[in-house]
Amino acid sequence: MERRREPRFPADQPAMLMALGPQQHCLPARIVEVSGRGMRLLLPQPLKLDTPVRVDCADTMLLGEVCYCLREGDQFMVGLELEHSLANLSEIGRLVDSLLGEERIPSESVKSPGF
């Protein structure tokens, strides 16, 4: 009997994982499976349970924490519980640039105090 709350979907996508906290470090990762609130990744080294992480893949940033870490051959299968996601980062960046561009004061219109 299936006890999962959400379906899982297979994936095979490269990503970059950043372990957050006092000893931040980045690891290359491969996304193996995703669901609405979770993700499984293969990593070259283990992570401690409850480690907060950031995962960057394609045009998306995901935030979550490690809920399990199991050795699988010479790699580690890591399960994440996802808390937040932000998609379409390039479009958000263009929007921010556009908004900041409208608010910038041209340098020639700024008067020097004449020191």
C-alpha atoms as a PDB file:
ATOM      1  CA  MET A   1       0.000   0.000   0.000  1.00  0.00           C
ATOM      2  CA  GLU A   2       1.406   3.399  -1.038  1.00  0.00           C
ATOM      3  CA  ARG A   3       1.611   5.778   1.951  1.00  0.00           C
ATOM      4  CA  ARG A   4       3.081   8.812   0.213  1.00  0.00           C
ATOM      5  CA  ARG A   5       0.967  11.960   0.153  1.00  0.00           C
ATOM      6  CA  GLU A   6       2.140  13.039  -3.294  1.00  0.00           C
ATOM      7  CA  PRO A   7       3.269  11.240  -6.422  1.00  0.00           C
ATOM      8  CA  ARG A   8       6.969  11.161  -7.210  1.00  0.00           C
ATOM      9  CA  PHE A   9       8.339  11.727 -10.680  1.00  0.00           C
ATOM     10  CA  PRO A  10      11.640  10.433 -12.011  1.00  0.00           C
ATOM     11  CA  ALA A  11      14.168  13.051 -13.061  1.00  0.00           C
ATOM     12  CA  ASP A  12      17.703  13.066 -14.362  1.00  0.00           C
ATOM     13  CA  GLN A  13      18.935  16.626 -14.117  1.00  0.00           C
ATOM     14  CA  PRO A  14      22.208  18.179 -12.977  1.00  0.00           C
ATOM     15  CA  ALA A  15      22.059  20.688 -10.139  1.00  0.00           C
ATOM     16  CA  MET A  16      24.258  22.515  -7.665  1.00  0.00           C
ATOM     17  CA  LEU A  17      23.555  22.052  -3.958  1.00  0.00           C
ATOM     18  CA  MET A  18      24.743  24.545  -1.360  1.00  0.00           C
ATOM     19  CA  ALA A  19      24.763  23.365   2.244  1.00  0.00           C
ATOM     20  CA  LEU A  20      23.779  26.422   4.284  1.00  0.00           C
ATOM     21  CA  GLY A  21      24.786  27.328   7.807  1.00  0.00           C
ATOM     22  CA  PRO A  22      28.103  27.999   9.520  1.00  0.00           C
ATOM     23  CA  GLN A  23      30.115  25.766   7.161  1.00  0.00           C
ATOM     24  CA  GLN A  24      28.644  26.554   3.750  1.00  0.00           C
ATOM     25  CA  HIS A  25      29.889  24.506   0.844  1.00  0.00           C
ATOM     26  CA  CYS A  26      28.733  23.649  -2.677  1.00  0.00           C
ATOM     27  CA  LEU A  27      28.419  20.201  -4.199  1.00  0.00           C
ATOM     28  CA  PRO A  28      27.536  19.035  -7.686  1.00  0.00           C
ATOM     29  CA  ALA A  29      24.320  17.005  -7.561  1.00  0.00           C
ATOM     30  CA  ARG A  30      22.054  14.971  -9.802  1.00  0.00           C
ATOM     31  CA  ILE A  31      18.302  15.190  -9.203  1.00  0.00           C
ATOM     32  CA  VAL A  32      16.887  11.664  -9.284  1.00  0.00           C
ATOM     33  CA  GLU A  33      13.270  12.156  -8.261  1.00  0.00           C
ATOM     34  CA  VAL A  34      10.927  15.037  -7.384  1.00  0.00           C
ATOM     35  CA  SER A  35       7.528  15.484  -5.768  1.00  0.00           C
ATOM     36  CA  GLY A  36       5.526  18.505  -4.699  1.00  0.00           C
ATOM     37  CA  ARG A  37       7.318  18.763  -1.362  1.00  0.00           C
ATOM     38  CA  GLY A  38      10.451  16.706  -1.757  1.00  0.00           C
ATOM     39  CA  MET A  39      13.393  15.699  -3.850  1.00  0.00           C
ATOM     40  CA  ARG A  40      15.989  12.916  -4.034  1.00  0.00           C
ATOM     41  CA  LEU A  41      19.506  13.726  -5.175  1.00  0.00           C
ATOM     42  CA  LEU A  42      22.769  11.894  -5.670  1.00  0.00           C
ATOM     43  CA  LEU A  43      25.758  13.648  -4.085  1.00  0.00           C
ATOM     44  CA  PRO A  44      29.492  12.865  -3.951  1.00  0.00           C
ATOM     45  CA  GLN A  45      29.597  13.273  -0.151  1.00  0.00           C
ATOM     46  CA  PRO A  46      27.151  12.874   2.751  1.00  0.00           C
ATOM     47  CA  LEU A  47      25.152  15.604   4.473  1.00  0.00           C
ATOM     48  CA  LYS A  48      23.919  15.614   8.063  1.00  0.00           C
ATOM     49  CA  LEU A  49      20.222  15.318   8.804  1.00  0.00           C
ATOM     50  CA  ASP A  50      18.368  18.642   9.127  1.00  0.00           C
ATOM     51  CA  THR A  51      21.087  20.525   7.189  1.00  0.00           C
ATOM     52  CA  PRO A  52      19.444  23.489   5.443  1.00  0.00           C
ATOM     53  CA  VAL A  53      20.228  23.500   1.725  1.00  0.00           C
ATOM     54  CA  ARG A  54      19.746  25.493  -1.444  1.00  0.00           C
ATOM     55  CA  VAL A  55      19.445  23.663  -4.770  1.00  0.00           C
ATOM     56  CA  ASP A  56      19.967  25.510  -8.056  1.00  0.00           C
ATOM     57  CA  CYS A  57      18.848  23.786 -11.233  1.00  0.00           C
ATOM     58  CA  ALA A  58      17.931  25.169 -14.635  1.00  0.00           C
ATOM     59  CA  ASP A  59      16.176  28.483 -13.886  1.00  0.00           C
ATOM     60  CA  THR A  60      14.956  27.517 -10.399  1.00  0.00           C
ATOM     61  CA  MET A  61      16.139  27.847  -6.799  1.00  0.00           C
ATOM     62  CA  LEU A  62      14.800  25.505  -4.106  1.00  0.00           C
ATOM     63  CA  LEU A  63      15.241  25.722  -0.342  1.00  0.00           C
ATOM     64  CA  GLY A  64      14.798  22.804   2.022  1.00  0.00           C
ATOM     65  CA  GLU A  65      16.498  20.537   4.501  1.00  0.00           C
ATOM     66  CA  VAL A  66      17.991  17.070   4.525  1.00  0.00           C
ATOM     67  CA  CYS A  67      15.635  14.388   5.837  1.00  0.00           C
ATOM     68  CA  TYR A  68      17.816  11.345   5.044  1.00  0.00           C
ATOM     69  CA  CYS A  69      21.222  10.452   3.631  1.00  0.00           C
ATOM     70  CA  LEU A  70      22.134   6.904   2.543  1.00  0.00           C
ATOM     71  CA  ARG A  71      25.291   5.530   0.949  1.00  0.00           C
ATOM     72  CA  GLU A  72      24.692   4.230  -2.564  1.00  0.00           C
ATOM     73  CA  GLY A  73      27.900   2.809  -3.986  1.00  0.00           C
ATOM     74  CA  ASP A  74      30.481   5.591  -4.026  1.00  0.00           C
ATOM     75  CA  GLN A  75      27.793   8.299  -3.796  1.00  0.00           C
ATOM     76  CA  PHE A  76      25.070   9.332  -1.363  1.00  0.00           C
ATOM     77  CA  MET A  77      21.312   9.398  -1.913  1.00  0.00           C
ATOM     78  CA  VAL A  78      19.952  12.449  -0.117  1.00  0.00           C
ATOM     79  CA  GLY A  79      16.290  13.152   0.521  1.00  0.00           C
ATOM     80  CA  LEU A  80      15.154  16.744   0.910  1.00  0.00           C
ATOM     81  CA  GLU A  81      11.997  18.200   2.328  1.00  0.00           C
ATOM     82  CA  LEU A  82      11.400  21.350   0.297  1.00  0.00           C
ATOM     83  CA  GLU A  83      10.181  24.543   1.949  1.00  0.00           C
ATOM     84  CA  HIS A  84      10.337  27.190  -0.809  1.00  0.00           C
ATOM     85  CA  SER A  85      10.918  27.410  -4.523  1.00  0.00           C
ATOM     86  CA  LEU A  86      11.533  30.282  -6.885  1.00  0.00           C
ATOM     87  CA  ALA A  87      11.205  29.600 -10.604  1.00  0.00           C
ATOM     88  CA  ASN A  88      11.917  31.723 -13.684  1.00  0.00           C
ATOM     89  CA  LEU A  89      14.897  33.422 -12.060  1.00  0.00           C
ATOM     90  CA  SER A  90      16.130  34.934 -15.325  1.00  0.00           C
ATOM     91  CA  GLU A  91      12.773  36.638 -15.871  1.00  0.00           C
ATOM     92  CA  ILE A  92      12.782  37.925 -12.280  1.00  0.00           C
ATOM     93  CA  GLY A  93      16.312  39.281 -12.864  1.00  0.00           C
ATOM     94  CA  ARG A  94      15.190  41.130 -16.002  1.00  0.00           C
ATOM     95  CA  LEU A  95      12.235  42.601 -14.098  1.00  0.00           C
ATOM     96  CA  VAL A  96      14.503  43.794 -11.259  1.00  0.00           C
ATOM     97  CA  ASP A  97      16.940  45.336 -13.757  1.00  0.00           C
ATOM     98  CA  SER A  98      14.043  47.077 -15.466  1.00  0.00           C
ATOM     99  CA  LEU A  99      12.656  48.433 -12.204  1.00  0.00           C
ATOM    100  CA  LEU A 100      16.065  49.601 -10.981  1.00  0.00           C
ATOM    101  CA  GLY A 101      16.750  51.217 -14.343  1.00  0.00           C
ATOM    102  CA  GLU A 102      13.622  53.335 -14.010  1.00  0.00           C
ATOM    103  CA  GLU A 103      14.634  54.512 -10.537  1.00  0.00           C
ATOM    104  CA  ARG A 104      18.252  55.377 -11.313  1.00  0.00           C
ATOM    105  CA  ILE A 105      19.160  59.033 -11.461  1.00  0.00           C
ATOM    106  CA  PRO A 106      21.351  59.830 -14.463  1.00  0.00           C
ATOM    107  CA  SER A 107      24.850  60.789 -13.281  1.00  0.00           C
ATOM    108  CA  GLU A 108      24.847  64.086 -15.206  1.00  0.00           C
ATOM    109  CA  SER A 109      21.781  65.306 -13.287  1.00  0.00           C
ATOM    110  CA  VAL A 110      23.442  64.782  -9.890  1.00  0.00           C
ATOM    111  CA  LYS A 111      25.122  68.003  -8.737  1.00  0.00           C
ATOM    112  CA  SER A 112      28.456  67.787  -6.990  1.00  0.00           C
ATOM    113  CA  PRO A 113      28.655  69.740  -3.711  1.00  0.00           C
ATOM    114  CA  GLY A 114      31.807  71.411  -5.081  1.00  0.00           C
ATOM    115  CA  PHE A 115      34.422  70.313  -2.544  1.00  0.00           C
END
